[in-house]
N, C-alpha and C. Protein backbone atom coordinates (compact mmCIF):
# COMPACT_ATOMS: atom_id res chain seq x y z
N MET A 1 7.55 33.92 19.83
CA MET A 1 8.50 33.42 19.00
C MET A 1 8.61 32.35 17.75
N GLU A 2 9.08 32.70 16.93
CA GLU A 2 8.54 31.79 15.57
C GLU A 2 8.77 30.46 15.73
N GLU A 3 10.05 30.01 16.42
CA GLU A 3 10.64 28.59 16.88
C GLU A 3 10.25 28.02 17.54
N LEU A 4 9.17 28.83 18.65
CA LEU A 4 8.56 28.11 19.58
C LEU A 4 7.30 27.73 19.25
N ASP A 5 6.68 28.79 18.05
CA ASP A 5 5.40 28.03 17.72
C ASP A 5 5.58 26.81 16.58
N LEU A 6 6.65 26.91 15.97
CA LEU A 6 6.90 25.77 15.10
C LEU A 6 6.88 24.87 15.76
N ILE A 7 7.69 24.56 17.03
CA ILE A 7 7.91 23.14 18.02
C ILE A 7 6.37 22.80 18.19
N VAL A 8 5.67 23.78 18.47
CA VAL A 8 4.36 23.65 18.99
C VAL A 8 3.32 22.89 18.03
N GLU A 9 3.42 23.50 16.96
CA GLU A 9 2.60 23.08 15.96
C GLU A 9 3.03 21.33 15.34
N SER A 10 4.63 21.58 15.23
CA SER A 10 5.02 20.26 15.00
C SER A 10 4.56 19.27 15.90
N VAL A 11 4.49 19.49 17.45
CA VAL A 11 4.18 18.34 18.00
C VAL A 11 2.27 18.24 18.02
N LYS A 12 1.71 19.16 17.71
CA LYS A 12 0.39 19.26 17.56
C LYS A 12 0.14 18.30 16.10
N HIS A 13 0.80 18.44 15.34
CA HIS A 13 0.61 17.94 14.07
C HIS A 13 0.77 16.17 14.29
N ASP A 14 1.69 15.84 14.84
CA ASP A 14 2.17 14.49 15.27
C ASP A 14 1.34 13.79 15.91
N MET A 15 0.69 14.52 17.30
CA MET A 15 -0.62 14.05 18.10
C MET A 15 -1.62 14.05 16.87
N GLU A 16 -2.06 14.53 16.39
CA GLU A 16 -3.51 14.67 15.45
C GLU A 16 -3.17 13.52 14.43
N ALA A 17 -1.75 13.53 13.57
CA ALA A 17 -1.60 12.22 13.38
C ALA A 17 -1.74 10.86 13.58
N ALA A 18 -1.39 10.82 14.96
CA ALA A 18 -1.99 9.72 15.82
C ALA A 18 -3.27 9.11 16.02
N ILE A 19 -4.31 10.32 16.06
CA ILE A 19 -5.48 10.33 16.47
C ILE A 19 -6.13 9.81 15.35
N LYS A 20 -5.49 10.01 14.08
CA LYS A 20 -6.23 9.50 12.54
C LYS A 20 -5.84 8.20 12.60
N HIS A 21 -4.50 7.75 13.03
CA HIS A 21 -4.00 6.39 12.68
C HIS A 21 -4.82 5.42 13.71
N LEU A 22 -5.35 5.72 14.95
CA LEU A 22 -6.18 5.33 15.83
C LEU A 22 -7.37 4.85 15.08
N ASP A 23 -8.02 6.14 14.62
CA ASP A 23 -9.33 5.56 13.88
C ASP A 23 -9.35 4.90 12.80
N HIS A 24 -8.14 4.89 12.05
CA HIS A 24 -7.79 4.26 10.91
C HIS A 24 -7.84 2.62 11.62
N ALA A 25 -7.29 2.55 12.71
CA ALA A 25 -7.04 1.03 12.87
C ALA A 25 -8.55 0.73 13.83
N PHE A 26 -9.18 1.59 14.40
CA PHE A 26 -10.49 1.00 14.78
C PHE A 26 -11.26 0.61 13.59
N GLN A 27 -11.50 1.21 12.70
CA GLN A 27 -12.32 0.86 11.07
C GLN A 27 -12.02 -0.78 10.83
N ARG A 28 -10.89 -0.79 11.11
CA ARG A 28 -10.56 -2.16 10.70
C ARG A 28 -11.02 -3.52 12.02
N ILE A 29 -11.16 -2.88 12.86
CA ILE A 29 -11.77 -3.49 13.99
C ILE A 29 -13.57 -3.96 14.04
N ARG A 30 -13.82 -4.95 13.18
CA ARG A 30 -15.24 -5.08 12.99
C ARG A 30 -15.86 -5.21 14.31
N ALA A 31 -17.13 -4.87 14.27
CA ALA A 31 -17.92 -4.74 15.22
C ALA A 31 -19.13 -5.42 15.31
N GLY A 32 -19.55 -6.41 14.26
CA GLY A 32 -20.33 -7.37 14.00
C GLY A 32 -21.08 -7.26 12.64
N ARG A 33 -21.03 -5.71 12.40
CA ARG A 33 -21.35 -5.33 11.14
C ARG A 33 -20.56 -5.33 9.90
N ALA A 34 -21.01 -5.68 8.74
CA ALA A 34 -20.23 -5.69 7.65
C ALA A 34 -20.09 -4.26 7.19
N SER A 35 -18.77 -4.52 6.78
CA SER A 35 -18.16 -2.80 6.32
C SER A 35 -17.36 -3.05 5.28
N THR A 36 -17.27 -2.01 4.27
CA THR A 36 -15.96 -2.10 3.38
C THR A 36 -14.64 -2.01 3.93
N SER A 37 -14.74 -1.20 4.92
CA SER A 37 -13.53 -0.90 5.53
C SER A 37 -12.84 -2.35 5.96
N MET A 38 -13.60 -3.20 6.06
CA MET A 38 -12.91 -4.68 6.59
C MET A 38 -11.87 -5.32 5.51
N VAL A 39 -12.16 -4.77 4.40
CA VAL A 39 -11.54 -5.20 3.57
C VAL A 39 -10.24 -4.13 2.70
N GLN A 40 -10.29 -2.92 3.35
CA GLN A 40 -9.90 -2.23 2.46
C GLN A 40 -8.05 -1.93 2.09
N ASP A 41 -7.56 -3.10 3.49
CA ASP A 41 -6.23 -3.13 3.28
C ASP A 41 -5.54 -4.41 2.64
N VAL A 42 -6.43 -4.93 1.99
CA VAL A 42 -6.13 -6.11 1.49
C VAL A 42 -5.74 -5.79 0.02
N MET A 43 -4.57 -6.34 0.13
CA MET A 43 -3.75 -6.12 -1.47
C MET A 43 -3.84 -7.48 -2.28
N VAL A 44 -4.12 -7.27 -3.40
CA VAL A 44 -4.52 -8.22 -4.35
C VAL A 44 -3.01 -8.26 -5.59
N GLU A 45 -2.38 -9.67 -5.75
CA GLU A 45 -1.34 -9.59 -6.45
C GLU A 45 -1.90 -9.67 -7.94
N TYR A 46 -1.98 -8.43 -8.66
CA TYR A 46 -2.65 -7.94 -10.02
C TYR A 46 -1.39 -7.69 -10.88
N TYR A 47 -1.41 -8.80 -11.60
CA TYR A 47 -0.11 -8.29 -13.13
C TYR A 47 0.87 -8.16 -12.45
N GLY A 48 1.23 -8.87 -11.20
CA GLY A 48 2.43 -8.99 -10.72
C GLY A 48 3.02 -7.94 -9.65
N ALA A 49 1.74 -7.20 -9.47
CA ALA A 49 2.14 -5.99 -8.96
C ALA A 49 1.02 -6.13 -7.67
N PRO A 50 1.40 -5.75 -6.19
CA PRO A 50 0.58 -5.72 -5.36
C PRO A 50 -0.06 -4.35 -5.49
N THR A 51 -1.78 -4.71 -5.40
CA THR A 51 -2.78 -3.75 -5.72
C THR A 51 -3.80 -3.59 -4.56
N PRO A 52 -4.16 -2.40 -3.91
CA PRO A 52 -5.55 -2.62 -3.27
C PRO A 52 -6.68 -2.96 -3.67
N LEU A 53 -7.44 -3.77 -3.01
CA LEU A 53 -8.76 -4.63 -3.78
C LEU A 53 -9.46 -3.27 -4.43
N ASN A 54 -9.61 -2.31 -3.61
CA ASN A 54 -10.78 -1.44 -4.21
C ASN A 54 -10.13 -0.92 -5.49
N GLN A 55 -9.24 -1.03 -6.15
CA GLN A 55 -8.84 -0.64 -7.56
C GLN A 55 -8.75 -1.85 -8.58
N VAL A 56 -9.35 -3.34 -8.15
CA VAL A 56 -9.37 -4.19 -8.86
C VAL A 56 -10.71 -4.49 -8.87
N ALA A 57 -11.67 -4.18 -7.87
CA ALA A 57 -12.88 -4.58 -7.76
C ALA A 57 -13.97 -3.44 -7.12
N ASN A 58 -15.43 -3.84 -7.59
CA ASN A 58 -16.10 -3.03 -6.79
C ASN A 58 -16.33 -3.72 -5.42
N VAL A 59 -16.29 -2.96 -4.34
CA VAL A 59 -16.83 -4.00 -3.02
C VAL A 59 -17.83 -3.35 -2.50
N SER A 60 -18.85 -3.54 -1.87
CA SER A 60 -20.14 -3.29 -1.59
C SER A 60 -20.75 -4.16 -0.46
N VAL A 61 -21.34 -3.66 0.54
CA VAL A 61 -22.26 -4.40 1.65
C VAL A 61 -23.79 -4.58 1.48
N PRO A 62 -24.52 -5.38 0.59
CA PRO A 62 -25.47 -5.56 0.26
C PRO A 62 -26.71 -5.61 1.45
N ASP A 63 -25.93 -6.41 2.67
CA ASP A 63 -26.55 -6.32 3.98
C ASP A 63 -25.64 -6.30 4.88
N ALA A 64 -26.23 -6.47 6.22
CA ALA A 64 -25.58 -5.97 7.24
C ALA A 64 -24.59 -7.26 7.72
N MET A 65 -24.80 -8.73 7.09
CA MET A 65 -23.86 -9.52 7.22
C MET A 65 -23.31 -10.05 6.05
N THR A 66 -22.75 -9.23 5.13
CA THR A 66 -22.45 -9.39 3.71
C THR A 66 -21.78 -8.49 3.27
N ILE A 67 -20.19 -9.04 2.88
CA ILE A 67 -19.62 -7.77 1.75
C ILE A 67 -19.54 -8.63 0.60
N SER A 68 -19.60 -7.84 -0.32
CA SER A 68 -19.95 -8.51 -2.22
C SER A 68 -18.61 -7.70 -2.83
N ILE A 69 -17.95 -8.75 -3.72
CA ILE A 69 -16.48 -8.11 -4.40
C ILE A 69 -16.91 -8.53 -5.61
N GLN A 70 -16.85 -7.65 -6.38
CA GLN A 70 -17.27 -7.99 -7.90
C GLN A 70 -15.86 -7.48 -8.64
N PRO A 71 -15.02 -8.34 -9.02
CA PRO A 71 -14.02 -7.95 -9.95
C PRO A 71 -14.45 -7.12 -11.30
N TRP A 72 -13.52 -6.20 -11.52
CA TRP A 72 -13.77 -5.46 -13.20
C TRP A 72 -12.87 -6.35 -13.79
N ASP A 73 -12.20 -6.92 -13.62
CA ASP A 73 -11.57 -8.43 -14.41
C ASP A 73 -11.83 -9.76 -14.27
N ARG A 74 -12.56 -10.42 -14.43
CA ARG A 74 -12.82 -11.90 -14.17
C ARG A 74 -11.44 -12.61 -13.48
N THR A 75 -10.38 -12.33 -14.72
CA THR A 75 -9.51 -13.15 -14.89
C THR A 75 -8.79 -13.30 -13.11
N ALA A 76 -9.02 -11.72 -12.45
CA ALA A 76 -8.40 -11.73 -10.83
C ALA A 76 -9.41 -12.21 -9.78
N ILE A 77 -10.24 -12.91 -10.10
CA ILE A 77 -10.99 -13.70 -9.09
C ILE A 77 -10.27 -14.19 -8.11
N GLY A 78 -9.57 -15.15 -9.17
CA GLY A 78 -8.61 -16.58 -7.96
C GLY A 78 -7.61 -15.47 -7.12
N ALA A 79 -6.87 -14.83 -7.67
CA ALA A 79 -6.11 -13.74 -6.89
C ALA A 79 -6.61 -13.11 -5.73
N ILE A 80 -8.12 -12.67 -5.78
CA ILE A 80 -8.80 -11.64 -5.07
C ILE A 80 -8.91 -12.49 -3.80
N GLU A 81 -9.28 -14.03 -4.46
CA GLU A 81 -9.95 -15.05 -3.20
C GLU A 81 -8.78 -15.39 -2.56
N LYS A 82 -7.35 -15.59 -2.99
CA LYS A 82 -6.51 -15.81 -2.62
C LYS A 82 -5.90 -14.59 -1.50
N ALA A 83 -6.03 -13.42 -1.86
CA ALA A 83 -5.40 -12.23 -1.19
C ALA A 83 -6.41 -12.18 0.05
N ILE A 84 -7.68 -12.62 -0.14
CA ILE A 84 -8.46 -12.41 0.98
C ILE A 84 -8.11 -13.46 1.99
N ILE A 85 -7.90 -15.04 2.09
CA ILE A 85 -7.75 -16.00 2.62
C ILE A 85 -6.13 -15.71 3.25
N ASN A 86 -5.37 -14.96 2.47
CA ASN A 86 -3.90 -14.70 2.89
C ASN A 86 -4.12 -13.56 3.97
N SER A 87 -5.01 -12.61 3.91
CA SER A 87 -5.14 -11.46 4.97
C SER A 87 -5.10 -11.82 6.24
N ASN A 88 -5.59 -12.83 6.49
CA ASN A 88 -6.14 -13.34 8.07
C ASN A 88 -7.18 -12.50 8.69
N LEU A 89 -8.31 -12.45 7.79
CA LEU A 89 -9.31 -11.70 8.49
C LEU A 89 -10.40 -12.28 8.85
N GLY A 90 -10.03 -14.01 8.63
CA GLY A 90 -11.23 -14.82 9.45
C GLY A 90 -12.14 -14.97 8.27
N PHE A 91 -12.21 -14.55 7.15
CA PHE A 91 -13.44 -14.64 6.15
C PHE A 91 -13.15 -15.91 5.33
N ALA A 92 -14.25 -16.81 5.06
CA ALA A 92 -13.61 -17.86 3.68
C ALA A 92 -14.72 -17.53 3.00
N PRO A 93 -13.93 -17.02 2.04
CA PRO A 93 -14.61 -16.39 0.79
C PRO A 93 -15.61 -17.49 -0.02
N SER A 94 -16.55 -17.12 -0.54
CA SER A 94 -17.27 -17.91 -1.52
C SER A 94 -17.30 -17.23 -3.05
N ASN A 95 -16.90 -18.13 -3.91
CA ASN A 95 -16.50 -17.53 -5.15
C ASN A 95 -17.72 -18.15 -6.34
N ASN A 96 -18.31 -17.33 -6.95
CA ASN A 96 -19.63 -18.14 -7.86
C ASN A 96 -18.84 -17.55 -9.28
N GLY A 97 -17.74 -17.71 -9.56
CA GLY A 97 -17.24 -17.26 -10.97
C GLY A 97 -17.47 -15.59 -11.60
N GLU A 98 -18.29 -14.92 -10.73
CA GLU A 98 -18.51 -13.52 -11.40
C GLU A 98 -18.42 -12.98 -10.12
N ASN A 99 -18.52 -13.46 -8.89
CA ASN A 99 -18.20 -12.08 -7.79
C ASN A 99 -17.63 -13.22 -6.44
N ILE A 100 -17.38 -12.60 -5.26
CA ILE A 100 -17.18 -13.23 -4.31
C ILE A 100 -18.01 -12.94 -3.21
N ILE A 101 -18.22 -13.53 -2.45
CA ILE A 101 -19.07 -13.06 -1.22
C ILE A 101 -18.44 -13.59 0.31
N LEU A 102 -18.48 -12.46 1.09
CA LEU A 102 -18.02 -12.74 2.17
C LEU A 102 -19.08 -12.78 3.25
N ASN A 103 -19.11 -13.78 3.93
CA ASN A 103 -20.11 -13.71 5.20
C ASN A 103 -19.54 -13.37 6.09
N VAL A 104 -20.20 -12.53 7.12
CA VAL A 104 -19.46 -11.62 8.46
C VAL A 104 -20.04 -12.43 9.69
N PRO A 105 -19.52 -13.59 10.17
CA PRO A 105 -20.43 -14.43 10.96
C PRO A 105 -20.37 -13.44 12.43
N PRO A 106 -21.79 -13.48 13.04
CA PRO A 106 -22.06 -12.83 14.13
C PRO A 106 -20.89 -12.96 15.26
N LEU A 107 -20.67 -12.14 15.92
CA LEU A 107 -19.63 -12.14 17.08
C LEU A 107 -20.11 -13.12 18.42
N THR A 108 -19.05 -13.79 18.78
CA THR A 108 -19.36 -14.71 20.10
C THR A 108 -18.53 -13.93 20.92
N GLU A 109 -19.23 -13.84 22.15
CA GLU A 109 -18.96 -13.18 23.27
C GLU A 109 -17.22 -12.97 23.58
N ASP A 110 -16.22 -14.45 23.34
CA ASP A 110 -15.14 -14.23 23.58
C ASP A 110 -14.55 -13.74 22.25
N ARG A 111 -15.19 -13.59 21.34
CA ARG A 111 -14.54 -12.70 20.05
C ARG A 111 -14.65 -11.14 20.13
N ARG A 112 -15.86 -10.72 20.91
CA ARG A 112 -16.22 -9.54 21.39
C ARG A 112 -15.08 -8.92 22.26
N ARG A 113 -14.86 -9.84 23.41
CA ARG A 113 -13.82 -9.69 24.29
C ARG A 113 -12.62 -9.41 23.60
N GLU A 114 -11.91 -10.22 22.90
CA GLU A 114 -10.87 -10.17 22.11
C GLU A 114 -10.58 -8.79 21.22
N LEU A 115 -11.88 -8.56 20.59
CA LEU A 115 -11.62 -7.55 19.57
C LEU A 115 -11.54 -6.17 20.98
N ALA A 116 -12.29 -5.84 21.75
CA ALA A 116 -11.96 -5.09 22.94
C ALA A 116 -10.62 -5.12 23.27
N LYS A 117 -9.81 -5.97 23.45
CA LYS A 117 -8.49 -5.95 24.01
C LYS A 117 -7.84 -5.43 22.82
N GLN A 118 -7.94 -5.89 21.67
CA GLN A 118 -7.08 -5.39 20.31
C GLN A 118 -7.36 -3.78 20.61
N ALA A 119 -8.62 -3.16 20.66
CA ALA A 119 -9.27 -1.87 20.47
C ALA A 119 -8.32 -1.16 21.36
N LYS A 120 -8.16 -1.74 22.75
CA LYS A 120 -7.11 -1.54 23.90
C LYS A 120 -5.74 -0.92 23.57
N GLY A 121 -5.33 -2.29 23.00
CA GLY A 121 -3.83 -2.32 22.58
C GLY A 121 -3.64 -0.98 21.73
N GLU A 122 -4.28 -0.82 20.58
CA GLU A 122 -4.23 0.37 19.36
C GLU A 122 -4.13 1.56 20.31
N THR A 123 -4.84 1.43 21.16
CA THR A 123 -5.10 2.85 22.00
C THR A 123 -4.01 2.91 22.96
N GLU A 124 -3.30 2.07 23.34
CA GLU A 124 -2.24 2.38 24.27
C GLU A 124 -0.92 2.50 23.30
N ASP A 125 -1.14 2.05 22.16
CA ASP A 125 0.11 2.51 21.24
C ASP A 125 0.19 4.00 20.85
N THR A 126 -1.30 4.58 20.59
CA THR A 126 -1.73 5.71 20.14
C THR A 126 -0.89 6.55 21.15
N LYS A 127 -1.07 6.44 22.38
CA LYS A 127 -0.90 7.13 23.53
C LYS A 127 0.55 7.33 23.88
N ILE A 128 1.39 6.45 23.37
CA ILE A 128 2.71 6.29 23.42
C ILE A 128 3.31 7.25 22.35
N VAL A 129 2.61 7.14 21.08
CA VAL A 129 3.01 7.86 20.12
C VAL A 129 2.81 9.18 20.61
N VAL A 130 1.56 9.71 21.23
CA VAL A 130 1.44 11.16 21.94
C VAL A 130 2.55 11.61 22.85
N ARG A 131 2.56 10.61 23.45
CA ARG A 131 3.64 10.90 24.46
C ARG A 131 5.20 11.18 24.11
N ASN A 132 5.60 10.28 22.80
CA ASN A 132 6.65 10.87 22.16
C ASN A 132 6.45 12.01 21.61
N ALA A 133 5.47 12.40 21.01
CA ALA A 133 5.78 13.68 20.36
C ALA A 133 5.83 14.81 21.38
N ARG A 134 5.22 14.46 22.74
CA ARG A 134 5.43 15.48 23.73
C ARG A 134 6.93 15.66 23.90
N GLN A 135 7.90 14.19 24.09
CA GLN A 135 8.99 14.01 24.81
C GLN A 135 9.98 14.85 23.53
N ASN A 136 9.46 14.51 22.24
CA ASN A 136 10.51 15.21 21.20
C ASN A 136 10.30 16.77 20.99
N GLY A 137 8.99 17.25 21.54
CA GLY A 137 9.20 18.65 21.46
C GLY A 137 9.66 19.16 22.29
N ILE A 138 9.74 18.65 23.79
CA ILE A 138 10.38 19.29 24.84
C ILE A 138 12.30 19.17 24.49
N LYS A 139 12.43 18.22 23.84
CA LYS A 139 13.88 18.08 23.28
C LYS A 139 14.29 19.08 22.54
N GLU A 140 13.16 19.79 21.46
CA GLU A 140 13.73 20.19 20.70
C GLU A 140 13.29 21.87 21.32
N LEU A 141 12.78 22.02 22.51
CA LEU A 141 12.72 23.35 23.16
C LEU A 141 13.87 23.27 23.90
N LYS A 142 14.63 22.50 24.59
CA LYS A 142 15.85 22.53 25.17
C LYS A 142 16.96 22.59 24.15
N LYS A 143 16.97 22.60 23.12
CA LYS A 143 18.06 23.00 22.36
C LYS A 143 17.89 24.11 21.60
N LEU A 144 17.19 25.27 22.01
CA LEU A 144 16.85 26.44 21.47
C LEU A 144 17.82 27.35 22.53
N GLU A 145 18.64 28.52 21.75
CA GLU A 145 19.39 28.94 22.35
C GLU A 145 18.75 30.64 22.76
N GLY A 146 19.06 31.13 23.62
CA GLY A 146 18.70 32.96 23.41
C GLY A 146 17.18 32.77 23.59
N VAL A 147 16.62 31.98 24.50
CA VAL A 147 15.20 32.03 24.58
C VAL A 147 14.99 31.93 26.36
N SER A 148 14.21 32.65 26.76
CA SER A 148 13.90 32.88 28.24
C SER A 148 13.09 31.59 28.93
N GLU A 149 13.87 31.61 30.24
CA GLU A 149 13.29 30.30 30.41
C GLU A 149 11.91 30.20 30.71
N ASP A 150 11.08 31.50 31.01
CA ASP A 150 9.74 32.02 31.30
C ASP A 150 9.03 31.20 30.14
N ALA A 151 9.71 31.67 28.82
CA ALA A 151 9.12 31.09 27.47
C ALA A 151 9.07 29.85 27.31
N ILE A 152 10.12 29.14 27.51
CA ILE A 152 10.37 27.82 27.51
C ILE A 152 9.24 27.13 28.54
N LYS A 153 9.24 27.54 29.53
CA LYS A 153 8.36 26.89 30.72
C LYS A 153 6.96 27.25 30.10
N GLY A 154 6.48 28.02 29.03
CA GLY A 154 5.02 28.25 29.12
C GLY A 154 4.88 27.38 27.79
N VAL A 155 5.95 27.18 26.75
CA VAL A 155 5.31 26.10 25.67
C VAL A 155 5.52 24.88 26.53
N GLU A 156 6.14 24.56 27.18
CA GLU A 156 6.47 23.39 27.88
C GLU A 156 4.64 22.81 28.34
N GLU A 157 4.50 23.90 29.22
CA GLU A 157 2.76 23.69 29.58
C GLU A 157 1.80 23.73 28.62
N GLU A 158 2.06 24.43 27.60
CA GLU A 158 1.47 24.07 26.37
C GLU A 158 1.35 22.77 25.59
N ILE A 159 2.71 22.37 25.51
CA ILE A 159 2.59 20.92 24.89
C ILE A 159 2.06 19.79 25.92
N GLN A 160 1.86 20.16 27.13
CA GLN A 160 1.50 19.32 28.12
C GLN A 160 0.05 18.99 27.91
N ALA A 161 -0.62 20.66 27.87
CA ALA A 161 -1.82 20.42 27.60
C ALA A 161 -2.68 19.84 26.37
N LEU A 162 -1.74 19.73 25.63
CA LEU A 162 -1.63 19.01 24.20
C LEU A 162 -1.76 17.66 24.67
N THR A 163 -0.94 17.25 25.02
CA THR A 163 -0.64 15.70 25.31
C THR A 163 -1.99 15.09 26.18
N ASP A 164 -2.42 15.86 27.23
CA ASP A 164 -3.53 15.79 27.95
C ASP A 164 -4.86 15.71 27.09
N LYS A 165 -5.09 16.31 26.51
CA LYS A 165 -6.07 16.80 25.46
C LYS A 165 -6.01 15.33 24.35
N HIS A 166 -5.12 15.16 23.69
CA HIS A 166 -4.65 14.30 22.75
C HIS A 166 -5.09 12.65 23.74
N VAL A 167 -4.35 12.61 24.73
CA VAL A 167 -5.06 10.88 25.71
C VAL A 167 -6.27 10.80 25.98
N LYS A 168 -6.60 12.10 26.27
CA LYS A 168 -8.31 11.77 26.73
C LYS A 168 -9.00 11.76 25.25
N LEU A 169 -8.58 12.40 24.19
CA LEU A 169 -9.15 11.87 23.15
C LEU A 169 -9.13 10.25 22.66
N CYS A 170 -8.18 9.65 23.15
CA CYS A 170 -7.79 8.33 22.77
C CYS A 170 -8.67 7.46 23.82
N ASP A 171 -8.85 7.96 24.81
CA ASP A 171 -9.57 7.37 25.82
C ASP A 171 -10.92 7.26 25.22
N GLU A 172 -11.49 8.66 24.78
CA GLU A 172 -12.73 8.98 24.45
C GLU A 172 -13.05 7.82 23.50
N HIS A 173 -12.11 7.76 22.52
CA HIS A 173 -12.52 6.79 20.74
C HIS A 173 -12.57 5.45 21.67
N LEU A 174 -11.99 5.16 22.34
CA LEU A 174 -11.72 3.61 22.83
C LEU A 174 -12.96 3.23 23.48
N LYS A 175 -13.46 4.40 24.23
CA LYS A 175 -15.22 4.01 25.06
C LYS A 175 -15.89 4.04 24.15
N THR A 176 -16.18 4.81 23.11
CA THR A 176 -16.93 4.47 22.00
C THR A 176 -17.03 3.28 21.17
N LYS A 177 -15.47 2.99 20.70
CA LYS A 177 -15.23 1.32 19.87
C LYS A 177 -15.83 0.38 20.99
N GLU A 178 -15.38 0.33 22.26
CA GLU A 178 -15.74 -0.65 23.00
C GLU A 178 -17.42 -0.80 22.97
N ALA A 179 -18.02 -0.03 23.08
CA ALA A 179 -19.71 0.09 23.20
C ALA A 179 -19.89 -0.35 21.91
N GLU A 180 -19.51 -0.26 21.09
CA GLU A 180 -19.70 -0.35 19.69
C GLU A 180 -19.61 -1.94 19.46
N ILE A 181 -18.42 -2.43 20.13
CA ILE A 181 -18.08 -3.92 19.77
C ILE A 181 -18.79 -4.94 20.76
N MET A 182 -19.12 -4.11 22.05
CA MET A 182 -19.94 -5.27 23.02
C MET A 182 -21.35 -5.07 22.77
N LYS A 183 -22.09 -4.37 21.88
CA LYS A 183 -23.25 -4.08 21.71
C LYS A 183 -23.85 -5.60 20.88
N VAL A 184 -24.99 -6.05 21.40
CA VAL A 184 -25.04 -7.30 20.89
C VAL A 184 -26.26 -6.90 19.60
């Protein structure tokens, strides 16, 4: 039945979106190496409008412990520096008048544990979103009229299988990220 397929597709879409969000969140959790994704969410006040950092500057990683930010407009260097400080990323930007250098300090054991805990929190939040998608799908099923109980039962099992699959995916992503964080 088309309505049943739509409900399953909607649930699947929501769960896949949750996994994508988890991957994005994991990119922001640094694992000891410099990466442009560490600063991708920094918004710079540029001509009165909040603008993503990568739209006002070239962001590169010259080596494993350094992020280089070269503004296309030199007048924006102060605003970029301020945005990095305000973003609470834990970087102290150094400005030489032409570009900004961020030195990524090596991670301490405590900081690694903290980042692993943060990754675990993101994973739990994602699992909640996955389970909520399941609940919403089942609620939609209950609202349907003129559908046999067997058909509804079959779709509920399909939704549960999707839920189990996506929760397992969350755990696998977490395991990979934790290994990456704890690797010295």
